[in-house]
Amino acid sequence: DAAEGLYRLVDAAYERRSLALSTNLHPSWFDQLMDKTIASALVDRLMHHAHVVVTDGQSVRLEDALAGKGVVPLA
């Protein structure tokens, strides 16, 4: 259901609106999260006219978690 919802959002915005999507997964791995048919259509629409920004470096959230900062566990 979530994969179909994401696809519908992207499809509705396709060539009409801008979308920003952040993920730690390469688009070629999306088919491990969802049906291959939906993943293929989703990646096709996302990558057409896309500006891909690849970042490198340490995760700020991971650094904070390792330093005991950030999220406090629920009691």
N, C-alpha and C. Protein backbone atom coordinates (compact mmCIF):
# COMPACT_ATOMS: atom_id res chain seq x y z
N ASP A 1 0.82 -1.21 0.00
CA ASP A 1 0.00 0.00 0.00
C ASP A 1 0.86 1.27 0.00
N ALA A 2 1.94 1.25 0.80
CA ALA A 2 2.82 2.42 0.86
C ALA A 2 3.52 2.66 -0.46
N ALA A 3 3.96 1.59 -1.11
CA ALA A 3 4.64 1.72 -2.40
C ALA A 3 3.69 2.30 -3.45
N GLU A 4 2.46 1.81 -3.45
CA GLU A 4 1.49 2.34 -4.41
C GLU A 4 1.17 3.80 -4.12
N GLY A 5 1.09 4.16 -2.85
CA GLY A 5 0.85 5.55 -2.48
C GLY A 5 1.98 6.46 -2.93
N LEU A 6 3.22 6.02 -2.75
CA LEU A 6 4.37 6.81 -3.21
C LEU A 6 4.34 6.94 -4.73
N TYR A 7 4.04 5.84 -5.41
CA TYR A 7 3.96 5.89 -6.87
C TYR A 7 2.88 6.89 -7.31
N ARG A 8 1.73 6.85 -6.68
CA ARG A 8 0.63 7.76 -7.06
C ARG A 8 1.02 9.22 -6.85
N LEU A 9 1.74 9.49 -5.77
CA LEU A 9 2.21 10.85 -5.51
C LEU A 9 3.16 11.31 -6.60
N VAL A 10 4.14 10.46 -6.90
CA VAL A 10 5.13 10.81 -7.93
C VAL A 10 4.46 10.93 -9.29
N ASP A 11 3.56 10.03 -9.61
CA ASP A 11 2.87 10.08 -10.90
C ASP A 11 2.01 11.34 -11.03
N ALA A 12 1.36 11.74 -9.95
CA ALA A 12 0.52 12.95 -10.00
C ALA A 12 1.38 14.20 -10.21
N ALA A 13 2.58 14.20 -9.69
CA ALA A 13 3.46 15.36 -9.82
C ALA A 13 4.29 15.32 -11.11
N TYR A 14 4.37 14.17 -11.74
CA TYR A 14 5.23 13.97 -12.90
C TYR A 14 4.98 15.02 -13.98
N GLU A 15 6.01 15.76 -14.32
CA GLU A 15 6.02 16.83 -15.31
C GLU A 15 5.03 17.95 -14.99
N ARG A 16 4.57 18.04 -13.75
CA ARG A 16 3.68 19.13 -13.33
C ARG A 16 4.27 19.92 -12.16
N ARG A 17 4.93 19.21 -11.27
CA ARG A 17 5.46 19.80 -10.03
C ARG A 17 6.86 19.28 -9.78
N SER A 18 7.58 19.97 -8.93
CA SER A 18 8.89 19.51 -8.50
C SER A 18 8.74 18.66 -7.25
N LEU A 19 9.59 17.66 -7.14
CA LEU A 19 9.62 16.81 -5.96
C LEU A 19 11.06 16.72 -5.47
N ALA A 20 11.21 16.65 -4.18
CA ALA A 20 12.52 16.38 -3.59
C ALA A 20 12.39 15.09 -2.80
N LEU A 21 13.26 14.16 -3.07
CA LEU A 21 13.23 12.87 -2.41
C LEU A 21 14.61 12.57 -1.86
N SER A 22 14.64 12.18 -0.63
CA SER A 22 15.90 11.84 0.03
C SER A 22 15.86 10.36 0.40
N THR A 23 16.91 9.64 0.06
CA THR A 23 16.96 8.22 0.38
C THR A 23 18.41 7.79 0.53
N ASN A 24 18.61 6.77 1.33
CA ASN A 24 19.95 6.21 1.44
C ASN A 24 20.10 4.99 0.53
N LEU A 25 19.09 4.72 -0.27
CA LEU A 25 19.13 3.60 -1.21
C LEU A 25 19.32 4.09 -2.63
N HIS A 26 20.12 3.37 -3.39
CA HIS A 26 20.26 3.65 -4.81
C HIS A 26 18.95 3.26 -5.50
N PRO A 27 18.51 4.03 -6.48
CA PRO A 27 17.24 3.69 -7.15
C PRO A 27 17.17 2.27 -7.71
N SER A 28 18.30 1.69 -8.06
CA SER A 28 18.28 0.33 -8.59
C SER A 28 17.88 -0.69 -7.53
N TRP A 29 17.86 -0.30 -6.27
CA TRP A 29 17.48 -1.21 -5.18
C TRP A 29 16.02 -1.05 -4.77
N PHE A 30 15.28 -0.14 -5.38
CA PHE A 30 13.89 0.07 -5.00
C PHE A 30 13.05 -1.20 -5.18
N ASP A 31 13.45 -2.05 -6.14
CA ASP A 31 12.67 -3.27 -6.35
C ASP A 31 12.82 -4.28 -5.21
N GLN A 32 13.73 -4.01 -4.29
CA GLN A 32 13.83 -4.85 -3.10
C GLN A 32 12.82 -4.42 -2.03
N LEU A 33 12.28 -3.22 -2.20
CA LEU A 33 11.31 -2.68 -1.24
C LEU A 33 9.87 -2.83 -1.70
N MET A 34 9.69 -2.96 -3.00
CA MET A 34 8.34 -2.99 -3.56
C MET A 34 8.31 -3.86 -4.80
N ASP A 35 7.12 -4.10 -5.31
CA ASP A 35 6.93 -4.86 -6.52
C ASP A 35 7.77 -4.26 -7.65
N LYS A 36 8.37 -5.12 -8.46
CA LYS A 36 9.26 -4.65 -9.53
C LYS A 36 8.56 -3.74 -10.53
N THR A 37 7.30 -4.01 -10.81
CA THR A 37 6.56 -3.19 -11.77
C THR A 37 6.39 -1.76 -11.23
N ILE A 38 6.00 -1.65 -9.98
CA ILE A 38 5.84 -0.31 -9.37
C ILE A 38 7.19 0.37 -9.23
N ALA A 39 8.21 -0.38 -8.82
CA ALA A 39 9.55 0.20 -8.65
C ALA A 39 10.08 0.74 -9.97
N SER A 40 9.90 0.00 -11.03
CA SER A 40 10.37 0.43 -12.35
C SER A 40 9.68 1.71 -12.80
N ALA A 41 8.36 1.75 -12.66
CA ALA A 41 7.60 2.95 -13.05
C ALA A 41 7.96 4.14 -12.17
N LEU A 42 8.14 3.89 -10.89
CA LEU A 42 8.49 4.96 -9.94
C LEU A 42 9.85 5.55 -10.28
N VAL A 43 10.84 4.70 -10.47
CA VAL A 43 12.19 5.18 -10.78
C VAL A 43 12.21 5.89 -12.13
N ASP A 44 11.47 5.38 -13.10
CA ASP A 44 11.39 6.02 -14.41
C ASP A 44 10.90 7.46 -14.28
N ARG A 45 9.84 7.67 -13.51
CA ARG A 45 9.30 9.01 -13.35
C ARG A 45 10.19 9.90 -12.49
N LEU A 46 10.81 9.32 -11.48
CA LEU A 46 11.70 10.11 -10.63
C LEU A 46 12.95 10.57 -11.36
N MET A 47 13.52 9.71 -12.19
CA MET A 47 14.80 10.02 -12.81
C MET A 47 14.68 10.86 -14.09
N HIS A 48 13.49 10.88 -14.69
CA HIS A 48 13.31 11.68 -15.89
C HIS A 48 13.35 13.15 -15.51
N HIS A 49 14.22 13.91 -16.08
CA HIS A 49 14.43 15.33 -15.78
C HIS A 49 15.03 15.56 -14.38
N ALA A 50 15.57 14.53 -13.76
CA ALA A 50 16.05 14.65 -12.37
C ALA A 50 17.41 15.34 -12.28
N HIS A 51 17.62 15.97 -11.16
CA HIS A 51 18.93 16.47 -10.76
C HIS A 51 19.30 15.64 -9.53
N VAL A 52 20.26 14.76 -9.69
CA VAL A 52 20.66 13.87 -8.61
C VAL A 52 21.82 14.48 -7.85
N VAL A 53 21.68 14.58 -6.55
CA VAL A 53 22.74 15.10 -5.69
C VAL A 53 23.19 13.96 -4.78
N VAL A 54 24.43 13.57 -4.94
CA VAL A 54 24.99 12.50 -4.12
C VAL A 54 25.89 13.12 -3.07
N THR A 55 25.60 12.81 -1.83
CA THR A 55 26.41 13.35 -0.74
C THR A 55 27.29 12.25 -0.17
N ASP A 56 28.33 12.67 0.48
CA ASP A 56 29.25 11.72 1.09
C ASP A 56 29.67 12.28 2.44
N GLY A 57 29.90 11.43 3.36
CA GLY A 57 30.34 11.88 4.67
C GLY A 57 29.61 11.16 5.78
N GLN A 58 29.93 11.54 6.98
CA GLN A 58 29.34 10.92 8.15
C GLN A 58 27.91 11.41 8.37
N SER A 59 27.09 10.55 8.87
CA SER A 59 25.73 10.89 9.22
C SER A 59 25.74 11.69 10.52
N VAL A 60 25.13 12.85 10.50
CA VAL A 60 25.05 13.68 11.71
C VAL A 60 24.22 12.96 12.77
N ARG A 61 23.14 12.32 12.36
CA ARG A 61 22.30 11.58 13.32
C ARG A 61 23.06 10.43 13.95
N LEU A 62 23.86 9.72 13.15
CA LEU A 62 24.65 8.61 13.70
C LEU A 62 25.70 9.13 14.67
N GLU A 63 26.37 10.21 14.31
CA GLU A 63 27.37 10.80 15.21
C GLU A 63 26.73 11.22 16.53
N ASP A 64 25.56 11.87 16.47
CA ASP A 64 24.86 12.29 17.69
C ASP A 64 24.45 11.08 18.53
N ALA A 65 23.95 10.04 17.87
CA ALA A 65 23.52 8.85 18.61
C ALA A 65 24.70 8.19 19.30
N LEU A 66 25.83 8.10 18.62
CA LEU A 66 27.01 7.50 19.21
C LEU A 66 27.58 8.33 20.36
N ALA A 67 27.32 9.64 20.30
CA ALA A 67 27.79 10.53 21.37
C ALA A 67 26.78 10.68 22.50
N GLY A 68 25.66 9.95 22.39
CA GLY A 68 24.63 10.02 23.44
C GLY A 68 23.72 11.22 23.31
N LYS A 69 23.74 11.88 22.17
CA LYS A 69 22.89 13.04 21.94
C LYS A 69 21.72 12.63 21.06
N GLY A 70 20.81 13.54 20.85
CA GLY A 70 19.73 13.29 19.91
C GLY A 70 18.52 12.66 20.54
N VAL A 71 18.04 11.62 19.92
CA VAL A 71 16.79 10.98 20.33
C VAL A 71 16.93 10.35 21.71
N VAL A 72 15.92 10.59 22.52
CA VAL A 72 15.87 9.99 23.86
C VAL A 72 14.92 8.81 23.79
N PRO A 73 15.35 7.61 24.25
CA PRO A 73 14.46 6.45 24.19
C PRO A 73 13.17 6.68 24.99
N LEU A 74 12.09 6.12 24.51
CA LEU A 74 10.82 6.20 25.23
C LEU A 74 10.91 5.38 26.50
N ALA A 75 10.33 5.90 27.59
CA ALA A 75 10.39 5.17 28.86
C ALA A 75 9.15 4.33 29.05
